[in-house]
C-alpha atoms as a PDB file:
ATOM      1  CA  PRO A   1     122.504  96.261  55.495  1.00  0.00           C
ATOM      2  CA  TYR A   2     120.458  98.788  57.380  1.00  0.00           C
ATOM      3  CA  TYR A   3     118.322 101.000  55.148  1.00  0.00           C
ATOM      4  CA  ILE A   4     117.568 104.573  56.179  1.00  0.00           C
ATOM      5  CA  ASP A   5     116.604 107.809  54.500  1.00  0.00           C
ATOM      6  CA  LEU A   6     118.990 110.648  53.821  1.00  0.00           C
ATOM      7  CA  ASN A   7     119.359 112.959  56.869  1.00  0.00           C
ATOM      8  CA  GLN A   8     117.558 110.472  59.116  1.00  0.00           C
ATOM      9  CA  ASN A   9     119.079 110.139  62.583  1.00  0.00           C
ATOM     10  CA  VAL A  10     121.247 107.051  63.029  1.00  0.00           C
ATOM     11  CA  PHE A  11     121.503 105.931  66.644  1.00  0.00           C
ATOM     12  CA  LEU A  12     124.387 103.704  67.721  1.00  0.00           C
ATOM     13  CA  GLN A  13     125.297 102.030  70.957  1.00  0.00           C
ATOM     14  CA  ALA A  14     128.469 100.228  71.945  1.00  0.00           C
ATOM     15  CA  TYR A  15     128.543  97.931  74.935  1.00  0.00           C
ATOM     16  CA  LEU A  16     131.625  96.621  76.689  1.00  0.00           C
ATOM     17  CA  HIS A  17     131.044  93.025  77.766  1.00  0.00           C
ATOM     18  CA  SER A  18     133.196  92.599  80.860  1.00  0.00           C
ATOM     19  CA  SER A  19     132.730  91.457  84.414  1.00  0.00           C
ATOM     20  CA  ASP A  20     134.942  94.390  85.500  1.00  0.00           C
ATOM     21  CA  LYS A  21     132.508  97.246  86.156  1.00  0.00           C
ATOM     22  CA  ASP A  22     135.401  99.688  86.704  1.00  0.00           C
ATOM     23  CA  LEU A  23     135.953 100.034  82.967  1.00  0.00           C
ATOM     24  CA  MET A  24     134.557 102.718  80.704  1.00  0.00           C
ATOM     25  CA  LEU A  25     134.171 103.329  76.959  1.00  0.00           C
ATOM     26  CA  PHE A  26     135.160 106.417  74.996  1.00  0.00           C
ATOM     27  CA  VAL A  27     134.249 107.035  71.342  1.00  0.00           C
ATOM     28  CA  ASP A  28     137.562 108.100  69.831  1.00  0.00           C
ATOM     29  CA  THR A  29     137.041 107.963  66.054  1.00  0.00           C
ATOM     30  CA  CYS A  30     134.182 107.145  63.686  1.00  0.00           C
ATOM     31  CA  VAL A  31     134.897 107.294  59.990  1.00  0.00           C
ATOM     32  CA  ALA A  32     132.604 106.587  57.051  1.00  0.00           C
ATOM     33  CA  SER A  33     133.486 105.376  53.580  1.00  0.00           C
ATOM     34  CA  PRO A  34     131.601 104.257  50.467  1.00  0.00           C
ATOM     35  CA  ASP A  35     134.000 101.288  50.294  1.00  0.00           C
ATOM     36  CA  PRO A  36     133.784  98.703  53.103  1.00  0.00           C
ATOM     37  CA  TYR A  37     137.426  97.714  52.516  1.00  0.00           C
ATOM     38  CA  ASP A  38     139.020 101.164  52.217  1.00  0.00           C
ATOM     39  CA  PHE A  39     138.802 103.656  55.063  1.00  0.00           C
ATOM     40  CA  ASN A  40     141.675 105.795  53.776  1.00  0.00           C
ATOM     41  CA  THR A  41     140.923 107.056  50.243  1.00  0.00           C
ATOM     42  CA  LEU A  42     137.454 108.633  50.237  1.00  0.00           C
ATOM     43  CA  VAL A  43     136.410 109.084  53.849  1.00  0.00           C
ATOM     44  CA  TYR A  44     134.295 111.307  56.039  1.00  0.00           C
ATOM     45  CA  TYR A  45     135.145 111.678  59.712  1.00  0.00           C
ATOM     46  CA  ILE A  46     132.187 111.965  62.037  1.00  0.00           C
ATOM     47  CA  ILE A  47     134.500 112.134  65.050  1.00  0.00           C
ATOM     48  CA  LYS A  48     138.304 111.980  65.020  1.00  0.00           C
ATOM     49  CA  ASN A  49     140.627 111.750  68.031  1.00  0.00           C
ATOM     50  CA  GLY A  50     137.644 112.545  70.239  1.00  0.00           C
ATOM     51  CA  CYS A  51     136.946 115.773  68.299  1.00  0.00           C
ATOM     52  CA  VAL A  52     133.522 116.070  66.698  1.00  0.00           C
ATOM     53  CA  ARG A  53     133.809 116.689  62.945  1.00  0.00           C
ATOM     54  CA  ASP A  54     130.131 116.396  61.996  1.00  0.00           C
ATOM     55  CA  SER A  55     127.735 118.906  63.529  1.00  0.00           C
ATOM     56  CA  SER A  56     124.941 116.305  63.648  1.00  0.00           C
ATOM     57  CA  PHE A  57     127.000 114.053  65.962  1.00  0.00           C
ATOM     58  CA  SER A  58     125.993 113.977  69.601  1.00  0.00           C
ATOM     59  CA  THR A  59     126.390 111.639  72.515  1.00  0.00           C
ATOM     60  CA  PHE A  60     123.671 110.568  74.894  1.00  0.00           C
ATOM     61  CA  TYR A  61     123.785 110.106  78.618  1.00  0.00           C
ATOM     62  CA  SER A  62     124.236 106.559  79.814  1.00  0.00           C
ATOM     63  CA  PRO A  63     123.956 105.539  83.453  1.00  0.00           C
ATOM     64  CA  TYR A  64     126.647 102.960  82.718  1.00  0.00           C
ATOM     65  CA  LYS A  65     130.194 103.984  81.761  1.00  0.00           C
ATOM     66  CA  TYR A  66     130.649 100.706  79.847  1.00  0.00           C
ATOM     67  CA  LEU A  67     127.915 101.799  77.429  1.00  0.00           C
ATOM     68  CA  ALA A  68     128.481 104.477  74.761  1.00  0.00           C
ATOM     69  CA  ARG A  69     125.478 105.982  72.967  1.00  0.00           C
ATOM     70  CA  PHE A  70     125.649 108.440  70.095  1.00  0.00           C
ATOM     71  CA  LYS A  71     123.912 109.572  66.911  1.00  0.00           C
ATOM     72  CA  PHE A  72     124.509 111.389  63.639  1.00  0.00           C
ATOM     73  CA  ASN A  73     122.509 112.166  60.498  1.00  0.00           C
ATOM     74  CA  ALA A  74     122.627 109.749  57.572  1.00  0.00           C
ATOM     75  CA  PHE A  75     124.362 111.022  54.450  1.00  0.00           C
ATOM     76  CA  GLU A  76     125.673 109.843  51.106  1.00  0.00           C
ATOM     77  CA  PHE A  77     128.951 110.522  49.337  1.00  0.00           C
ATOM     78  CA  MET A  78     128.449 113.154  46.617  1.00  0.00           C
ATOM     79  CA  ASN A  79     125.245 111.569  45.254  1.00  0.00           C
ATOM     80  CA  ARG A  80     127.376 108.842  43.659  1.00  0.00           C
ATOM     81  CA  HIS A  81     127.582 106.298  46.455  1.00  0.00           C
ATOM     82  CA  THR A  82     124.342 105.230  48.059  1.00  0.00           C
ATOM     83  CA  SER A  83     125.975 102.881  50.564  1.00  0.00           C
ATOM     84  CA  VAL A  84     127.947 104.203  53.500  1.00  0.00           C
ATOM     85  CA  TYR A  85     130.097 101.970  55.696  1.00  0.00           C
ATOM     86  CA  MET A  86     131.317 102.934  59.135  1.00  0.00           C
ATOM     87  CA  LYS A  87     134.237 102.003  61.289  1.00  0.00           C
ATOM     88  CA  CYS A  88     134.478 103.265  64.853  1.00  0.00           C
ATOM     89  CA  GLU A  89     137.359 103.058  67.293  1.00  0.00           C
ATOM     90  CA  LEU A  90     136.570 103.093  70.974  1.00  0.00           C
ATOM     91  CA  ASP A  91     138.949 103.223  73.901  1.00  0.00           C
ATOM     92  CA  VAL A  92     138.535 101.180  77.055  1.00  0.00           C
ATOM     93  CA  CYS A  93     139.868 102.838  80.195  1.00  0.00           C
ATOM     94  CA  ARG A  94     139.872 102.308  83.905  1.00  0.00           C
ATOM     95  CA  LEU A  95     137.119 104.305  85.603  1.00  0.00           C
ATOM     96  CA  ARG A  96     138.446 107.355  87.507  1.00  0.00           C
ATOM     97  CA  ASP A  97     141.877 107.133  85.849  1.00  0.00           C
ATOM     98  CA  TYR A  98     141.906 110.816  84.937  1.00  0.00           C
ATOM     99  CA  SER A  99     145.177 110.507  83.025  1.00  0.00           C
ATOM    100  CA  SER A 100     143.657 107.944  80.631  1.00  0.00           C
ATOM    101  CA  ARG A 101     142.556 108.626  77.061  1.00  0.00           C
ATOM    102  CA  CYS A 102     138.892 108.466  78.058  1.00  0.00           C
ATOM    103  CA  TYR A 103     139.144 111.532  80.266  1.00  0.00           C
ATOM    104  CA  ARG A 104     141.269 113.676  77.947  1.00  0.00           C
ATOM    105  CA  GLY A 105     138.478 114.192  75.401  1.00  0.00           C
ATOM    106  CA  CYS A 106     139.270 115.950  72.131  1.00  0.00           C
ATOM    107  CA  ILE A 107     142.921 115.838  71.139  1.00  0.00           C
ATOM    108  CA  SER A 108     143.519 118.211  68.264  1.00  0.00           C
ATOM    109  CA  ARG A 109     146.780 117.655  66.499  1.00  0.00           C
ATOM    110  CA  SER A 110     148.651 120.913  65.956  1.00  0.00           C
ATOM    111  CA  LYS A 111     150.378 121.397  62.625  1.00  0.00           C
ATOM    112  CA  ARG A 112     154.131 121.783  62.565  1.00  0.00           C
ATOM    113  CA  ASP A 113     155.707 125.045  61.534  1.00  0.00           C
ATOM    114  CA  LEU A 114     157.407 124.494  58.170  1.00  0.00           C
ATOM    115  CA  SER A 115     159.055 127.903  57.938  1.00  0.00           C
ATOM    116  CA  SER A 116     162.835 128.134  57.801  1.00  0.00           C
END
């Protein structure tokens, strides 16, 4: 476990270990849960489908595209759960492939019209 105070900045870095330097990383989704085995029931999305959901989330410049750096503020779930577990999904894309997921950024899902 990593112990931090409430609202303290949490800095994360993901590194792609590959000999191919023409690959890049994209932070697609980061979700938090008070249960390390359940990321569906009680969850909080920090970023989802490349769209920032938490206003404290921000990315940091990296001179290397195979390195993703970001931060958010520490929080707890409704004062009842003091532990928070995270799961992040990152995409690996070919550098300069502008049709890839890494270059499309935020993908907001539009809701379907349910009217008759």
